[in-house]
């Protein structure tokens, strides 16, 4: 898809971009992404127990990352496993880099 300044500067596209960048801007969410990356695939119980976080806080931040498609989920029985959505994160980093390079 080719982008023009007119398509990029709509209020809807700016709102979507801001929401995604806000999801990445939080220090705990960045830490969660890094922690999940280190483990490849990990369930929420192991995340909050390893990081000594409250389960509700962990789930809240994972939901934000999931809503922005920054992490992927896979259900195995009663457990939900998280992994980093590398293609999405890579695309965001590339777009931000291009933005600041211009």
Foldseek 3Di string as FASTA:
>chain_A
DDDDPVRCPDPVNVVLLVLLVVLCPDPVLVVVQVVQAVVQKAWLVCVCVVVVHDSVVSVVSVVSCVVNPQWDWDDDPPTIIIGGPVVSVVVSVVVVVVVVVD
